[in-house]
């Protein structure tokens, strides 16, 4: 079962750190292994929701993920 509170905290962290990035800056993390490690499903969900909300291009090489801040986001 996903911990909704944990997902909320993860998304909040992503939003706060993403705001601090300059154009071309990278926000990265790990544990994006949906289905392979159930305890990491919250990371995957938070990441996907954040990417959709911000209309970002995600980069994934499991278990790692990253985003590059562009001019329009």
Protein backbone atom coordinates (compact mmCIF):
# COMPACT_ATOMS: atom_id res chain seq x y z
CA UNK A 1 0.00 0.00 0.00
CA UNK A 2 1.31 3.43 -0.95
CA UNK A 3 1.92 5.94 1.80
CA UNK A 4 0.08 9.05 0.60
CA UNK A 5 1.77 11.20 3.24
CA UNK A 6 5.22 10.10 2.03
CA UNK A 7 4.26 10.84 -1.58
CA UNK A 8 3.15 14.32 -0.55
CA UNK A 9 6.50 14.96 1.18
CA UNK A 10 8.45 13.66 -1.82
CA UNK A 11 6.55 15.92 -4.23
CA UNK A 12 7.02 18.89 -1.92
CA UNK A 13 10.78 18.26 -1.85
CA UNK A 14 10.92 17.95 -5.63
CA UNK A 15 9.02 21.24 -6.04
CA UNK A 16 11.21 23.11 -3.56
CA UNK A 17 14.50 21.90 -5.03
CA UNK A 18 13.33 22.35 -8.62
CA UNK A 19 12.51 26.02 -7.90
CA UNK A 20 16.13 26.57 -6.83
CA UNK A 21 17.58 25.26 -10.09
CA UNK A 22 18.94 27.58 -12.75
CA UNK A 23 18.12 26.89 -16.40
CA UNK A 24 20.05 23.77 -17.39
CA UNK A 25 20.23 22.61 -13.77
CA UNK A 26 19.56 18.97 -12.95
CA UNK A 27 17.28 17.49 -10.30
CA UNK A 28 18.03 13.81 -9.83
CA UNK A 29 17.13 10.92 -7.60
CA UNK A 30 16.90 7.17 -7.41
CA UNK A 31 14.62 4.28 -6.37
CA UNK A 32 12.33 4.56 -9.38
CA UNK A 33 11.67 0.85 -9.60
CA UNK A 34 7.91 0.59 -9.82
CA UNK A 35 6.82 -3.02 -9.47
CA UNK A 36 10.26 -4.35 -8.56
CA UNK A 37 10.45 -2.98 -5.04
CA UNK A 38 7.01 -2.13 -3.61
CA UNK A 39 8.57 0.11 -0.97
CA UNK A 40 9.80 2.39 -3.78
CA UNK A 41 6.45 2.74 -5.53
CA UNK A 42 5.86 6.03 -3.71
CA UNK A 43 8.98 7.53 -5.27
CA UNK A 44 7.78 6.48 -8.71
CA UNK A 45 4.30 7.91 -8.15
CA UNK A 46 5.60 11.21 -6.76
CA UNK A 47 8.04 11.55 -9.66
CA UNK A 48 5.41 10.82 -12.32
CA UNK A 49 2.88 13.20 -10.76
CA UNK A 50 5.50 15.95 -10.50
CA UNK A 51 6.58 15.48 -14.15
CA UNK A 52 2.97 15.63 -15.35
CA UNK A 53 2.10 18.69 -13.24
CA UNK A 54 5.14 20.62 -14.49
CA UNK A 55 4.99 19.24 -18.06
CA UNK A 56 8.61 18.09 -17.87
CA UNK A 57 10.65 15.64 -19.91
CA UNK A 58 11.76 12.83 -17.58
CA UNK A 59 14.99 10.91 -17.99
CA UNK A 60 15.09 7.44 -16.48
CA UNK A 61 17.80 4.82 -16.31
CA UNK A 62 16.40 2.64 -13.53
CA UNK A 63 16.86 2.91 -10.66
CA UNK A 64 17.88 6.53 -11.34
CA UNK A 65 15.87 9.49 -12.67
CA UNK A 66 16.63 13.09 -13.51
CA UNK A 67 15.08 16.27 -14.89
CA UNK A 68 16.78 19.17 -16.64
CA UNK A 69 15.27 22.59 -16.02
CA UNK A 70 14.39 24.35 -19.24
CA UNK A 71 13.50 27.95 -20.05
CA UNK A 72 9.75 27.35 -20.01
CA UNK A 73 9.47 25.41 -16.77
